Amino acid sequence: MRTAVVPVEEIFALRWAVLRTGRPRETAVYPEDARADAFHIAAYDEAGVVQGCVTFFPDPMAGEDGTAYRFRGMGSAPEVRGQGFGAAALTAGLREAAARGADLVWCNGRTSATGFYEHFGFTAVGPEFTLEPSGPHYIFVTKDLDR
C-alpha cells in the first residue's frame, strides 16, 4: 500500500462517500481545505485507488504548549475496513506533521474508535461530547509522532 500527500481533490470523493454518506456534497468541504498550511494524505491500493484519507492542519490545542496539528476527515472505504488503509494514512500524516514541526497531534475522534486511537499512542482527554451528526466523541492527543 502506498501513501502520499495529495491535493484535496484526490481524497474528496472518498471523504464525501464515507464521512458524509447521503448528505449534500458541500457538507464534505472543510474550511481548512483552503489553507496553504493544510495537507491531505491518501492511502492507495495496488490498483491506485484511494482507499484511505485524512486531512491535517496546524491548530493549537488548549492547555498544550508547542506546535499542534489537528486532523479530521479520516476514513477508509467500507469494503477495505480493517485492512490498514486508515492506519497507513494516519501514520503517514503523523510523520508529515512531525516533519512540518509538530510537537503534538490531536483530533475530535469518535468514542467508538477509542481502541484504534490508543493503538497509535493517542490518549483521550476531557469529557465525552457529542458532535452532530456523528455522535459521541473525545479529544484524542499524542506526542508520539515517530510511528
Protein backbone atom coordinates (compact mmCIF):
# COMPACT_ATOMS: atom_id res chain seq x y z
CA MET A 1 0.00 0.00 0.00
CA ARG A 2 1.23 3.47 -0.89
CA THR A 3 0.55 6.81 0.80
CA ALA A 4 1.13 10.33 -0.46
CA VAL A 5 0.48 13.97 0.34
CA VAL A 6 -2.09 14.99 -2.27
CA PRO A 7 -4.42 17.84 -3.25
CA VAL A 8 -7.79 17.68 -1.51
CA GLU A 9 -9.44 16.80 -4.83
CA GLU A 10 -7.65 13.43 -4.71
CA ILE A 11 -9.36 12.40 -1.46
CA PHE A 12 -12.61 14.32 -1.68
CA ALA A 13 -14.80 11.62 -3.22
CA LEU A 14 -13.82 9.11 -0.52
CA ARG A 15 -14.28 11.67 2.27
CA TRP A 16 -17.74 12.56 1.00
CA ALA A 17 -18.82 8.95 0.45
CA VAL A 18 -17.59 7.65 3.79
CA LEU A 19 -17.96 10.56 6.21
CA ARG A 20 -20.98 12.38 4.81
CA THR A 21 -22.97 9.46 3.46
CA GLY A 22 -26.27 10.60 1.97
CA ARG A 23 -25.60 14.25 2.71
CA PRO A 24 -25.02 17.05 0.19
CA ARG A 25 -21.57 17.24 -1.38
CA GLU A 26 -20.80 20.61 0.23
CA THR A 27 -21.01 19.05 3.71
CA ALA A 28 -17.71 17.30 2.94
CA VAL A 29 -15.90 20.58 2.23
CA TYR A 30 -13.96 21.67 5.32
CA PRO A 31 -12.96 25.31 5.92
CA GLU A 32 -9.39 24.08 6.47
CA ASP A 33 -9.17 22.64 2.95
CA ALA A 34 -8.32 26.06 1.51
CA ARG A 35 -5.49 26.73 3.95
CA ALA A 36 -2.00 26.77 2.46
CA ASP A 37 -0.66 25.02 5.57
CA ALA A 38 -3.14 22.13 5.46
CA PHE A 39 -2.17 18.81 3.92
CA HIS A 40 -4.12 15.76 2.82
CA ILE A 41 -2.98 12.14 2.85
CA ALA A 42 -4.24 9.41 0.53
CA ALA A 43 -3.66 5.68 1.02
CA TYR A 44 -3.84 3.71 -2.24
CA ASP A 45 -4.43 0.07 -3.01
CA GLU A 46 -2.36 -1.87 -5.57
CA ALA A 47 -4.63 -0.62 -8.39
CA GLY A 48 -4.02 3.02 -7.43
CA VAL A 49 -7.48 3.59 -5.95
CA VAL A 50 -7.73 5.86 -2.90
CA GLN A 51 -8.94 3.63 -0.06
CA GLY A 52 -7.98 5.79 2.95
CA CYS A 53 -7.72 9.51 3.62
CA VAL A 54 -7.09 12.16 6.27
CA THR A 55 -6.58 15.94 6.43
CA PHE A 56 -4.12 17.70 8.80
CA PHE A 57 -3.66 21.39 9.63
CA PRO A 58 -1.95 23.47 12.33
CA ASP A 59 -4.38 24.18 15.17
CA PRO A 60 -3.35 24.99 18.74
CA MET A 61 -4.69 22.70 21.43
CA ALA A 62 -5.93 24.40 24.59
CA GLY A 63 -3.69 23.74 27.56
CA GLU A 64 -0.79 22.39 25.49
CA ASP A 65 2.46 24.12 24.60
CA GLY A 66 4.28 23.60 21.32
CA THR A 67 3.17 23.36 17.74
CA ALA A 68 -0.01 21.35 17.38
CA TYR A 69 -1.58 19.86 14.28
CA ARG A 70 -5.17 18.68 14.21
CA PHE A 71 -6.58 16.09 11.84
CA ARG A 72 -10.07 15.42 10.62
CA GLY A 73 -11.82 13.65 7.81
CA MET A 74 -10.06 10.36 8.39
CA GLY A 75 -11.77 7.40 6.80
CA SER A 76 -11.42 4.29 4.72
CA ALA A 77 -13.64 2.70 2.14
CA PRO A 78 -16.12 0.27 3.75
CA GLU A 79 -15.01 -2.64 1.58
CA VAL A 80 -11.42 -2.41 2.87
CA ARG A 81 -12.01 -1.56 6.54
CA GLY A 82 -9.65 -3.41 8.81
CA GLN A 83 -7.04 -3.82 6.06
CA GLY A 84 -4.81 -0.95 7.24
CA PHE A 85 -5.65 1.88 4.85
CA GLY A 86 -6.85 4.23 7.62
CA ALA A 87 -3.85 3.28 9.73
CA ALA A 88 -1.47 3.92 6.83
CA ALA A 89 -3.00 7.35 6.16
CA LEU A 90 -2.80 8.29 9.84
CA THR A 91 0.79 7.07 10.21
CA ALA A 92 1.88 8.99 7.11
CA GLY A 93 0.09 12.08 8.41
CA LEU A 94 1.78 11.87 11.82
CA ARG A 95 5.18 11.67 10.13
CA GLU A 96 4.38 14.58 7.81
CA ALA A 97 3.12 16.69 10.74
CA ALA A 98 6.37 15.96 12.61
CA ALA A 99 8.39 16.95 9.53
CA ARG A 100 6.46 20.25 9.49
CA GLY A 101 7.40 20.96 13.10
CA ALA A 102 4.50 19.47 15.08
CA ASP A 103 5.13 18.63 18.72
CA LEU A 104 1.72 17.00 19.10
CA VAL A 105 -1.28 15.95 17.05
CA TRP A 106 -4.90 15.91 18.15
CA CYS A 107 -8.39 15.26 16.87
CA ASN A 108 -12.02 15.05 17.80
CA GLY A 109 -12.41 11.29 17.47
CA ARG A 110 -15.44 9.08 17.71
CA THR A 111 -15.76 7.35 21.05
CA SER A 112 -16.27 4.06 19.21
CA ALA A 113 -12.75 4.43 17.75
CA THR A 114 -11.01 4.77 21.14
CA GLY A 115 -9.12 1.48 20.75
CA PHE A 116 -7.87 2.49 17.30
CA TYR A 117 -6.52 5.80 18.58
CA GLU A 118 -4.96 4.22 21.67
CA HIS A 119 -3.15 1.74 19.40
CA PHE A 120 -1.45 4.73 17.77
CA GLY A 121 -0.39 6.31 21.06
CA PHE A 122 -3.31 8.71 21.47
CA THR A 123 -4.88 9.45 24.84
CA ALA A 124 -8.45 10.63 25.35
CA VAL A 125 -8.55 13.91 27.28
CA GLY A 126 -11.51 15.67 28.80
CA PRO A 127 -15.12 14.59 28.93
CA GLU A 128 -17.03 12.85 26.17
CA PHE A 129 -19.05 15.23 23.96
CA THR A 130 -21.42 14.92 21.02
CA LEU A 131 -20.75 16.21 17.51
CA GLU A 132 -23.78 16.05 15.27
CA PRO A 133 -24.44 14.13 13.13
CA SER A 134 -21.55 11.81 14.07
CA GLY A 135 -22.35 11.14 17.74
CA PRO A 136 -20.16 10.82 20.85
CA HIS A 137 -16.52 11.95 20.68
CA TYR A 138 -13.42 12.54 22.77
CA ILE A 139 -10.46 14.77 22.13
CA PHE A 140 -7.51 12.46 21.44
CA VAL A 141 -3.92 13.70 21.63
CA THR A 142 -0.48 12.21 21.01
CA LYS A 143 3.11 13.36 21.11
CA ASP A 144 4.24 10.02 19.65
CA LEU A 145 4.73 11.15 16.04
CA ASP A 146 7.54 8.79 15.02
CA ARG A 147 5.48 5.73 14.19
